[in-house]
Amino acid sequence: MILTIRKTGGPGGIEELLGTVDATRFDAESHRILALQLEDLTDLTSSHEPIDGDCYRYEIEVQGPGKARNLLAVDDEGDPDHPAFKALTALLRTLGLPPL
């Protein structure tokens, strides 16, 4: 499974690649945690356009063998305690990517 995380939107309409991680190299426990985190994000994410034009959006693209491309999106509405934003932060930590 390959995960690609992008940050888009905001006042300047940015498109920034935060990282691409090949999770096939993870150990079994990391795979288990990753699967749970992706399940949580799937339950918490939205597929609508950002509510505010100045809102950042974090897009998580998941690609894997036998799977169709899956795209999850988390809108950053400025609340670091929002469950979707906290789930995204945990996912980044699991993937070894820098925090937001």
C-alpha atoms as a PDB file:
ATOM      1  CA  MET A   1       0.000   0.000   0.000  1.00  0.00           C
ATOM      2  CA  ILE A   2       1.319   3.439  -0.927  1.00  0.00           C
ATOM      3  CA  LEU A   3      -0.008   6.539   0.805  1.00  0.00           C
ATOM      4  CA  THR A   4       0.440  10.057  -0.540  1.00  0.00           C
ATOM      5  CA  ILE A   5      -0.453  13.069   1.617  1.00  0.00           C
ATOM      6  CA  ARG A   6      -1.024  16.531   0.107  1.00  0.00           C
ATOM      7  CA  LYS A   7      -1.964  19.892   1.596  1.00  0.00           C
ATOM      8  CA  THR A   8      -4.100  22.063  -0.684  1.00  0.00           C
ATOM      9  CA  GLY A   9      -6.119  25.270  -0.548  1.00  0.00           C
ATOM     10  CA  GLY A  10      -5.667  28.064   1.940  1.00  0.00           C
ATOM     11  CA  PRO A  11      -5.372  31.778   1.167  1.00  0.00           C
ATOM     12  CA  GLY A  12      -2.770  31.235  -1.556  1.00  0.00           C
ATOM     13  CA  GLY A  13      -4.381  28.153  -3.078  1.00  0.00           C
ATOM     14  CA  ILE A  14      -1.313  26.024  -2.408  1.00  0.00           C
ATOM     15  CA  GLU A  15      -0.644  22.440  -3.467  1.00  0.00           C
ATOM     16  CA  GLU A  16       2.072  20.926  -1.287  1.00  0.00           C
ATOM     17  CA  LEU A  17       3.213  17.305  -1.218  1.00  0.00           C
ATOM     18  CA  LEU A  18       3.739  16.381   2.429  1.00  0.00           C
ATOM     19  CA  GLY A  19       5.025  12.902   1.667  1.00  0.00           C
ATOM     20  CA  THR A  20       4.633   9.542   0.000  1.00  0.00           C
ATOM     21  CA  VAL A  21       5.126   6.391   2.055  1.00  0.00           C
ATOM     22  CA  ASP A  22       5.384   2.793   0.869  1.00  0.00           C
ATOM     23  CA  ALA A  23       3.739   0.948   3.753  1.00  0.00           C
ATOM     24  CA  THR A  24       4.552  -2.491   2.348  1.00  0.00           C
ATOM     25  CA  ARG A  25       7.787  -2.282   4.338  1.00  0.00           C
ATOM     26  CA  PHE A  26       5.984  -1.836   7.665  1.00  0.00           C
ATOM     27  CA  ASP A  27       5.929  -4.649  10.212  1.00  0.00           C
ATOM     28  CA  ALA A  28       2.682  -6.477  11.052  1.00  0.00           C
ATOM     29  CA  GLU A  29       1.846  -4.317  14.086  1.00  0.00           C
ATOM     30  CA  SER A  30       2.364  -1.093  12.116  1.00  0.00           C
ATOM     31  CA  HIS A  31       0.104  -2.472   9.360  1.00  0.00           C
ATOM     32  CA  ARG A  32      -2.577  -3.221  11.942  1.00  0.00           C
ATOM     33  CA  ILE A  33      -2.361   0.292  13.400  1.00  0.00           C
ATOM     34  CA  LEU A  34      -2.349   1.853   9.929  1.00  0.00           C
ATOM     35  CA  ALA A  35      -5.458  -0.108   8.903  1.00  0.00           C
ATOM     36  CA  LEU A  36      -7.298   1.059  12.038  1.00  0.00           C
ATOM     37  CA  GLN A  37      -6.260   4.671  11.471  1.00  0.00           C
ATOM     38  CA  LEU A  38      -7.405   4.584   7.844  1.00  0.00           C
ATOM     39  CA  GLU A  39     -10.721   3.088   8.950  1.00  0.00           C
ATOM     40  CA  ASP A  40     -11.152   5.901  11.500  1.00  0.00           C
ATOM     41  CA  LEU A  41     -10.303   8.530   8.890  1.00  0.00           C
ATOM     42  CA  THR A  42     -12.744   6.997   6.422  1.00  0.00           C
ATOM     43  CA  ASP A  43     -15.494   7.319   9.043  1.00  0.00           C
ATOM     44  CA  LEU A  44     -14.526  10.935   9.870  1.00  0.00           C
ATOM     45  CA  THR A  45     -13.658  12.454   6.498  1.00  0.00           C
ATOM     46  CA  SER A  46     -15.670  14.443   4.048  1.00  0.00           C
ATOM     47  CA  SER A  47     -15.736  14.511   0.287  1.00  0.00           C
ATOM     48  CA  HIS A  48     -17.219  17.994  -0.070  1.00  0.00           C
ATOM     49  CA  GLU A  49     -15.358  21.139  -1.018  1.00  0.00           C
ATOM     50  CA  PRO A  50     -13.861  23.087   1.897  1.00  0.00           C
ATOM     51  CA  ILE A  51     -16.424  25.188   3.736  1.00  0.00           C
ATOM     52  CA  ASP A  52     -14.155  28.240   3.720  1.00  0.00           C
ATOM     53  CA  GLY A  53     -12.055  29.301   0.733  1.00  0.00           C
ATOM     54  CA  ASP A  54      -9.142  29.954   3.101  1.00  0.00           C
ATOM     55  CA  CYS A  55      -9.435  26.493   4.617  1.00  0.00           C
ATOM     56  CA  TYR A  56      -6.599  24.024   4.078  1.00  0.00           C
ATOM     57  CA  ARG A  57      -7.427  20.520   2.965  1.00  0.00           C
ATOM     58  CA  TYR A  58      -5.276  17.464   3.616  1.00  0.00           C
ATOM     59  CA  GLU A  59      -5.768  14.756   1.011  1.00  0.00           C
ATOM     60  CA  ILE A  60      -4.730  11.178   1.697  1.00  0.00           C
ATOM     61  CA  GLU A  61      -4.443   9.009  -1.402  1.00  0.00           C
ATOM     62  CA  VAL A  62      -4.291   5.276  -0.732  1.00  0.00           C
ATOM     63  CA  GLN A  63      -3.138   2.902  -3.480  1.00  0.00           C
ATOM     64  CA  GLY A  64      -2.630  -0.799  -3.147  1.00  0.00           C
ATOM     65  CA  PRO A  65      -2.657  -4.035  -5.088  1.00  0.00           C
ATOM     66  CA  GLY A  66      -6.177  -5.102  -5.915  1.00  0.00           C
ATOM     67  CA  LYS A  67      -7.604  -1.842  -4.569  1.00  0.00           C
ATOM     68  CA  ALA A  68      -9.067   1.042  -6.453  1.00  0.00           C
ATOM     69  CA  ARG A  69      -7.500   4.412  -5.710  1.00  0.00           C
ATOM     70  CA  ASN A  70      -9.036   5.780  -2.526  1.00  0.00           C
ATOM     71  CA  LEU A  71      -8.950   9.462  -1.607  1.00  0.00           C
ATOM     72  CA  LEU A  72      -9.732  10.769   1.863  1.00  0.00           C
ATOM     73  CA  ALA A  73      -9.904  14.476   2.681  1.00  0.00           C
ATOM     74  CA  VAL A  74      -9.666  16.326   5.992  1.00  0.00           C
ATOM     75  CA  ASP A  75     -10.578  19.999   6.066  1.00  0.00           C
ATOM     76  CA  ASP A  76      -8.571  22.088   8.538  1.00  0.00           C
ATOM     77  CA  GLU A  77     -11.105  24.465   9.989  1.00  0.00           C
ATOM     78  CA  GLY A  78      -8.706  25.714  12.664  1.00  0.00           C
ATOM     79  CA  ASP A  79      -9.712  23.301  15.438  1.00  0.00           C
ATOM     80  CA  PRO A  80      -6.751  21.063  16.374  1.00  0.00           C
ATOM     81  CA  ASP A  81      -9.076  19.052  18.647  1.00  0.00           C
ATOM     82  CA  HIS A  82     -11.460  18.092  15.817  1.00  0.00           C
ATOM     83  CA  PRO A  83     -11.567  14.258  15.671  1.00  0.00           C
ATOM     84  CA  ALA A  84     -10.681  14.101  11.947  1.00  0.00           C
ATOM     85  CA  PHE A  85      -7.702  16.422  12.409  1.00  0.00           C
ATOM     86  CA  LYS A  86      -6.487  14.405  15.412  1.00  0.00           C
ATOM     87  CA  ALA A  87      -6.846  11.180  13.377  1.00  0.00           C
ATOM     88  CA  LEU A  88      -4.833  12.759  10.544  1.00  0.00           C
ATOM     89  CA  THR A  89      -2.101  13.790  12.991  1.00  0.00           C
ATOM     90  CA  ALA A  90      -1.926  10.220  14.345  1.00  0.00           C
ATOM     91  CA  LEU A  91      -1.708   8.833  10.804  1.00  0.00           C
ATOM     92  CA  LEU A  92       1.179  11.161   9.944  1.00  0.00           C
ATOM     93  CA  ARG A  93       2.996  10.032  13.095  1.00  0.00           C
ATOM     94  CA  THR A  94       2.521   6.357  12.135  1.00  0.00           C
ATOM     95  CA  LEU A  95       3.824   7.064   8.631  1.00  0.00           C
ATOM     96  CA  GLY A  96       6.870   8.867  10.033  1.00  0.00           C
ATOM     97  CA  LEU A  97       5.922  12.171   8.397  1.00  0.00           C
ATOM     98  CA  PRO A  98       6.434  15.569  10.057  1.00  0.00           C
ATOM     99  CA  PRO A  99       3.555  16.803  12.236  1.00  0.00           C
ATOM    100  CA  LEU A 100       1.194  19.503  10.999  1.00  0.00           C
END
